[in-house]
Amino acid sequence: MIDVHPHGSEQYLHISLKRSIKSCYTPSMLRDKRDSVDFTYTDHESGVAVMSVLSSSHVFPKHSHETYYIIGLIENGATYCYGPEREDSLASPGSFFIINPGQVHSGVPVSGSRVSYRMLSVNAKRFCSLAEEIEEGTPRPPEFPLTFQASPLEQSRLIRAYSGITDRISPLGKEELLYELTALLLPRAERKKALKLPPFVEHPGLKRGAELLRGDLEEKLSLAGIASEAGMSPYHFIRSFKKAYGLSPHVYRTQQRIGIAKRLLRSGSSLTDTALALGFYDQSHFSNTFHAYTGISPSAYRKGTRD
């Protein structure tokens, strides 16, 4: 799903995008010929950001959000949170989906479906502190099932809190509703094992590989060089890294680039400067990659966050 990051004072944007694109059922191209996406974005100082998506058929590649809980409500259409190979990940109208920090997921609308949903990103440390306060010292962070159907009463309460957080009410009102929403969600949580925030691996070679992949994002890294630093063969490193982090080294590094790109664009960096700073081949390569992971073009993202 789409990643949004809080970054200071409250902002609001509304962006409408209409694109003419081919319809093909693949992770990178499943979209309607006239894909209309409306984003409503708010940001405030409580570690929370909100995004609403209207009538989208965008397909998201596998990715993760290492430091956020993502809480979403499907309003129309249906989508697979893990892709069509996992029928148990289907989120339909009225379903809430919760992505735990570091949980690898995607977003693949059911063939022919246009999906509308609201999505809330809550900083993991913030959410865990709320949970600990509400449950009076529960030691382990909450870990949620991917999707669940709420009862009519439960759904109305969740939507009330959820909707209120997106409205332009006072910071005090938002804080109260965030507590209410957290309290409503916690009964769904499991604590069979400690949740790892962010994903952690014991193998020092894999940790070293991850450090390099998160490092200078303009630098052109080679698989052989990273594997050598990790003390493994390239083939063994790819397999071990993917098993540990749920993503290939290339996707992991691309995800880091997109996160930095968002911060640069919000600060006013041009598309060209951002692409060069992060080691993309050219602006077109950057724009296509950014859109694939966020569902919005970098120019529209930059314009909206600065309006």
Protein backbone atom coordinates (compact mmCIF):
# COMPACT_ATOMS: atom_id res chain seq x y z
CA MET A 1 0.00 0.00 0.00
CA ILE A 2 1.00 3.68 -0.15
CA ASP A 3 3.54 4.93 2.30
CA VAL A 4 3.07 8.38 3.92
CA HIS A 5 5.46 9.99 6.41
CA PRO A 6 4.63 12.70 8.94
CA HIS A 7 6.93 15.70 8.66
CA GLY A 8 5.95 18.57 10.88
CA SER A 9 3.07 21.02 10.80
CA GLU A 10 -0.34 20.12 9.45
CA GLN A 11 -0.73 20.19 5.72
CA TYR A 12 -3.56 19.30 3.42
CA LEU A 13 -3.62 18.43 -0.23
CA HIS A 14 -6.03 17.20 -2.81
CA ILE A 15 -4.64 15.89 -6.08
CA SER A 16 -6.60 14.48 -9.00
CA LEU A 17 -4.73 12.41 -11.55
CA LYS A 18 -6.16 11.03 -14.78
CA ARG A 19 -3.93 8.74 -16.81
CA SER A 20 -4.41 6.86 -20.05
CA ILE A 21 -2.68 3.53 -19.64
CA LYS A 22 -2.99 -0.03 -20.85
CA SER A 23 -4.85 -2.69 -18.91
CA CYS A 24 -2.75 -5.78 -18.23
CA TYR A 25 -2.84 -8.08 -15.21
CA THR A 26 0.76 -7.82 -14.04
CA PRO A 27 2.16 -6.29 -10.84
CA SER A 28 3.47 -3.26 -12.71
CA MET A 29 0.66 -2.61 -15.21
CA LEU A 30 -2.76 -3.57 -13.81
CA ARG A 31 -4.62 -0.28 -14.25
CA ASP A 32 -7.76 0.91 -16.00
CA LYS A 33 -7.35 2.82 -19.25
CA ARG A 34 -8.55 5.94 -17.44
CA ASP A 35 -7.24 5.53 -13.93
CA SER A 36 -8.60 8.33 -11.74
CA VAL A 37 -6.94 8.71 -8.35
CA ASP A 38 -7.89 11.32 -5.77
CA PHE A 39 -5.60 11.78 -2.79
CA THR A 40 -6.47 13.67 0.36
CA TYR A 41 -3.46 14.04 2.61
CA THR A 42 -3.19 15.52 6.08
CA ASP A 43 -0.19 15.69 8.32
CA HIS A 44 0.16 16.72 11.96
CA GLU A 45 2.60 16.57 14.81
CA SER A 46 1.30 13.47 16.59
CA GLY A 47 3.22 10.93 14.48
CA VAL A 48 0.23 10.29 12.23
CA ALA A 49 -0.42 10.86 8.52
CA VAL A 50 -3.58 10.13 6.52
CA MET A 51 -4.21 9.38 2.87
CA SER A 52 -7.53 8.77 1.12
CA VAL A 53 -7.59 7.09 -2.29
CA LEU A 54 -10.58 7.18 -4.61
CA SER A 55 -11.17 4.78 -7.47
CA SER A 56 -7.67 3.43 -7.99
CA SER A 57 -6.59 0.30 -9.84
CA HIS A 58 -2.90 0.82 -9.19
CA VAL A 59 -0.85 -2.28 -8.34
CA PHE A 60 1.86 -1.90 -5.72
CA PRO A 61 4.99 -4.06 -5.71
CA LYS A 62 6.03 -5.90 -2.58
CA HIS A 63 7.41 -3.50 0.00
CA SER A 64 7.33 -2.74 3.72
CA HIS A 65 7.13 0.20 6.13
CA GLU A 66 9.75 -0.41 8.78
CA THR A 67 8.68 2.21 11.30
CA TYR A 68 4.91 2.54 10.76
CA TYR A 69 1.68 0.74 11.45
CA ILE A 70 -0.58 1.15 8.40
CA ILE A 71 -4.31 1.02 9.17
CA GLY A 72 -6.68 1.04 6.22
CA LEU A 73 -10.40 0.82 5.54
CA ILE A 74 -11.66 -0.51 2.19
CA GLU A 75 -14.73 1.46 1.13
CA ASN A 76 -15.27 0.18 -2.41
CA GLY A 77 -13.72 -2.54 -4.57
CA ALA A 78 -11.46 -5.30 -3.32
CA THR A 79 -7.70 -5.81 -3.22
CA TYR A 80 -5.23 -8.50 -2.26
CA CYS A 81 -2.83 -7.19 0.37
CA TYR A 82 -0.34 -9.96 -0.45
CA GLY A 83 -1.24 -10.43 -4.10
CA PRO A 84 -3.68 -12.89 -5.72
CA GLU A 85 -1.56 -15.88 -4.68
CA ARG A 86 -2.84 -15.32 -1.12
CA GLU A 87 -6.63 -15.54 -1.06
CA ASP A 88 -6.61 -15.01 2.70
CA SER A 89 -5.25 -11.49 2.12
CA LEU A 90 -8.34 -10.28 0.25
CA ALA A 91 -9.71 -7.03 1.68
CA SER A 92 -13.28 -6.24 0.57
CA PRO A 93 -15.67 -3.34 1.35
CA GLY A 94 -16.03 -2.91 5.09
CA SER A 95 -12.74 -4.67 5.77
CA PHE A 96 -9.97 -3.07 7.76
CA PHE A 97 -6.40 -4.03 6.92
CA ILE A 98 -3.46 -3.49 9.25
CA ILE A 99 0.14 -3.69 8.08
CA ASN A 100 2.55 -4.26 10.94
CA PRO A 101 5.96 -2.52 10.89
CA GLY A 102 8.36 -4.42 8.64
CA GLN A 103 5.60 -6.66 7.25
CA VAL A 104 6.15 -7.25 3.53
CA HIS A 105 2.98 -6.71 1.52
CA SER A 106 1.72 -5.50 -1.83
CA GLY A 107 -1.58 -4.22 -3.16
CA VAL A 108 -3.24 -5.97 -6.12
CA PRO A 109 -6.85 -5.01 -6.89
CA VAL A 110 -9.14 -7.84 -7.93
CA SER A 111 -9.22 -7.97 -11.73
CA GLY A 112 -11.47 -5.20 -13.00
CA SER A 113 -11.90 -3.69 -9.53
CA ARG A 114 -11.43 -0.02 -8.73
CA VAL A 115 -10.55 0.37 -5.07
CA SER A 116 -11.41 3.20 -2.71
CA TYR A 117 -9.83 3.26 0.73
CA ARG A 118 -8.62 5.45 3.56
CA MET A 119 -5.24 4.77 5.09
CA LEU A 120 -3.66 5.92 8.32
CA SER A 121 0.09 5.70 9.03
CA VAL A 122 1.04 5.80 12.71
CA ASN A 123 4.64 5.94 13.87
CA ALA A 124 5.37 2.56 15.47
CA LYS A 125 6.93 3.99 18.64
CA ARG A 126 3.96 6.30 19.03
CA PHE A 127 1.45 3.49 18.56
CA CYS A 128 3.29 1.17 20.95
CA SER A 129 3.40 3.86 23.64
CA LEU A 130 -0.35 4.36 23.25
CA ALA A 131 -0.92 0.60 23.50
CA GLU A 132 1.26 0.31 26.59
CA GLU A 133 -0.57 3.18 28.27
CA ILE A 134 -4.03 1.86 27.41
CA GLU A 135 -3.23 -1.69 28.51
CA GLU A 136 -1.21 -0.51 31.50
CA GLY A 137 2.24 -1.80 30.73
CA THR A 138 1.77 -4.71 28.31
CA PRO A 139 5.42 -5.48 27.50
CA ARG A 140 5.21 -6.58 23.87
CA PRO A 141 4.21 -4.44 20.88
CA PRO A 142 0.87 -5.40 19.31
CA GLU A 143 0.92 -7.51 16.16
CA PHE A 144 -2.28 -7.56 14.11
CA PRO A 145 -3.84 -9.97 11.63
CA LEU A 146 -3.70 -8.56 8.12
CA THR A 147 -7.44 -8.07 7.56
CA PHE A 148 -10.62 -8.31 9.62
CA GLN A 149 -14.34 -7.68 9.24
CA ALA A 150 -15.82 -5.42 11.90
CA SER A 151 -19.31 -5.76 13.31
CA PRO A 152 -21.68 -2.90 12.37
CA LEU A 153 -21.29 -1.29 15.81
CA GLU A 154 -17.52 -1.80 15.85
CA GLN A 155 -17.24 -0.47 12.31
CA SER A 156 -19.24 2.67 13.10
CA ARG A 157 -17.00 3.41 16.09
CA LEU A 158 -13.84 2.76 14.10
CA ILE A 159 -15.00 4.94 11.22
CA ARG A 160 -15.99 7.73 13.61
CA ALA A 161 -12.53 7.80 15.15
CA TYR A 162 -10.82 7.23 11.83
CA SER A 163 -12.73 9.97 10.04
CA GLY A 164 -12.25 12.44 12.87
CA ILE A 165 -8.47 12.11 12.68
CA THR A 166 -8.61 13.15 9.01
CA ASP A 167 -10.75 16.22 9.65
CA ARG A 168 -9.45 19.69 10.39
CA ILE A 169 -10.19 19.59 14.06
CA SER A 170 -7.97 20.75 16.90
CA PRO A 171 -4.80 18.82 17.85
CA LEU A 172 -6.51 17.96 21.14
CA GLY A 173 -9.43 16.41 19.27
CA LYS A 174 -7.10 14.40 17.05
CA GLU A 175 -5.21 13.08 20.08
CA GLU A 176 -8.42 11.96 21.76
CA LEU A 177 -9.58 10.15 18.63
CA LEU A 178 -6.18 8.48 18.19
CA TYR A 179 -6.50 7.04 21.70
CA GLU A 180 -10.03 5.90 20.90
CA LEU A 181 -9.00 4.24 17.65
CA THR A 182 -6.05 2.48 19.29
CA ALA A 183 -8.26 1.16 22.10
CA LEU A 184 -10.77 -0.17 19.55
CA LEU A 185 -8.06 -1.97 17.58
CA LEU A 186 -6.07 -3.52 20.44
CA PRO A 187 -8.52 -6.41 21.11
CA ARG A 188 -7.59 -7.65 17.62
CA ALA A 189 -3.87 -7.78 18.43
CA GLU A 190 -1.81 -10.87 19.12
CA ARG A 191 1.35 -11.06 21.22
CA LYS A 192 2.64 -14.56 20.59
CA LYS A 193 6.11 -13.20 19.96
CA ALA A 194 7.85 -9.89 20.20
CA LEU A 195 7.36 -7.73 17.13
CA LYS A 196 10.66 -6.69 15.56
CA LEU A 197 10.85 -2.98 14.75
CA PRO A 198 12.51 -2.68 12.28
CA PRO A 199 13.26 -6.19 10.93
CA PHE A 200 16.29 -7.53 12.75
CA VAL A 201 18.62 -10.37 11.80
CA GLU A 202 21.37 -11.92 13.88
CA HIS A 203 23.78 -12.68 11.04
CA PRO A 204 26.43 -9.91 11.02
CA GLY A 205 26.97 -10.33 7.28
CA LEU A 206 23.32 -9.65 6.51
CA LYS A 207 23.30 -6.65 8.83
CA ARG A 208 26.39 -5.34 7.04
CA GLY A 209 24.67 -5.88 3.69
CA ALA A 210 21.61 -3.97 4.85
CA GLU A 211 23.82 -1.12 6.06
CA LEU A 212 25.42 -0.85 2.62
CA LEU A 213 22.03 -0.95 0.90
CA ARG A 214 20.78 1.87 3.14
CA GLY A 215 23.99 3.85 2.67
CA ASP A 216 24.97 6.33 -0.03
CA LEU A 217 22.00 5.95 -2.37
CA GLU A 218 23.78 7.72 -5.22
CA GLU A 219 26.57 5.17 -5.22
CA LYS A 220 26.42 2.36 -7.78
CA LEU A 221 26.70 -0.82 -5.74
CA SER A 222 27.50 -4.24 -7.18
CA LEU A 223 25.99 -7.46 -5.91
CA ALA A 224 29.43 -9.03 -5.82
CA GLY A 225 30.79 -6.18 -3.70
CA ILE A 226 27.94 -6.31 -1.17
CA ALA A 227 28.09 -10.10 -0.94
CA SER A 228 31.83 -9.94 -0.39
CA GLU A 229 31.35 -7.48 2.48
CA ALA A 230 28.74 -9.86 3.91
CA GLY A 231 31.14 -12.82 3.62
CA MET A 232 28.88 -14.75 1.26
CA SER A 233 28.61 -15.69 -2.38
CA PRO A 234 26.21 -13.45 -4.37
CA TYR A 235 23.68 -16.27 -4.73
CA HIS A 236 23.76 -17.13 -1.02
CA PHE A 237 23.49 -13.45 -0.07
CA ILE A 238 20.39 -12.91 -2.25
CA ARG A 239 18.64 -15.96 -0.80
CA SER A 240 19.60 -15.20 2.81
CA PHE A 241 18.75 -11.51 2.57
CA LYS A 242 15.34 -12.17 1.07
CA LYS A 243 14.59 -14.76 3.74
CA ALA A 244 15.56 -12.35 6.50
CA TYR A 245 14.00 -9.14 5.19
CA GLY A 246 11.27 -10.44 2.90
CA LEU A 247 12.60 -8.36 -0.01
CA SER A 248 15.40 -8.77 -2.51
CA PRO A 249 18.46 -6.53 -2.02
CA HIS A 250 17.48 -4.50 -5.09
CA VAL A 251 13.90 -3.88 -3.90
CA TYR A 252 15.13 -3.09 -0.38
CA ARG A 253 17.50 -0.42 -1.74
CA THR A 254 14.84 0.97 -4.08
CA GLN A 255 12.46 1.31 -1.14
CA GLN A 256 15.11 3.31 0.75
CA ARG A 257 15.50 5.58 -2.27
CA ILE A 258 11.77 6.28 -2.49
CA GLY A 259 11.62 7.17 1.20
CA ILE A 260 14.46 9.69 0.82
CA ALA A 261 12.91 11.00 -2.41
CA LYS A 262 9.73 11.91 -0.55
CA ARG A 263 11.66 13.93 1.99
CA LEU A 264 13.65 15.73 -0.71
CA LEU A 265 10.53 16.55 -2.73
CA ARG A 266 8.75 17.88 0.35
CA SER A 267 11.72 20.13 1.03
CA GLY A 268 11.44 21.62 -2.47
CA SER A 269 14.07 19.64 -4.39
CA SER A 270 13.44 19.47 -8.13
CA LEU A 271 12.72 16.14 -9.83
CA THR A 272 16.04 16.30 -11.67
CA ASP A 273 18.08 17.04 -8.54
CA THR A 274 16.25 14.35 -6.60
CA ALA A 275 16.81 11.75 -9.30
CA LEU A 276 20.53 12.58 -9.48
CA ALA A 277 20.96 12.63 -5.70
CA LEU A 278 19.53 9.13 -5.41
CA GLY A 279 21.39 7.51 -8.30
CA PHE A 280 18.55 7.01 -10.78
CA TYR A 281 19.55 6.76 -14.44
CA ASP A 282 17.46 9.76 -15.43
CA GLN A 283 14.28 11.64 -14.49
CA SER A 284 12.07 9.21 -16.42
CA HIS A 285 13.49 6.23 -14.52
CA PHE A 286 12.92 8.07 -11.25
CA SER A 287 9.35 9.06 -12.12
CA ASN A 288 8.36 5.55 -13.17
CA THR A 289 9.87 3.99 -10.05
CA PHE A 290 8.32 6.58 -7.73
CA HIS A 291 4.89 6.04 -9.26
CA ALA A 292 5.16 2.27 -8.99
CA TYR A 293 5.79 2.43 -5.23
CA THR A 294 3.46 5.30 -4.32
CA GLY A 295 0.68 5.40 -6.93
CA ILE A 296 1.39 9.06 -7.66
CA SER A 297 3.90 10.90 -9.85
CA PRO A 298 6.77 12.71 -8.09
CA SER A 299 5.73 16.04 -9.68
CA ALA A 300 2.18 15.73 -8.29
CA TYR A 301 3.54 14.65 -4.91
CA ARG A 302 5.94 17.61 -4.79
CA LYS A 303 3.25 20.10 -5.87
CA GLY A 304 0.70 18.83 -3.35
CA THR A 305 2.98 18.76 -0.34
CA ARG A 306 4.02 22.36 -1.03
CA ASP A 307 0.56 23.80 -1.77
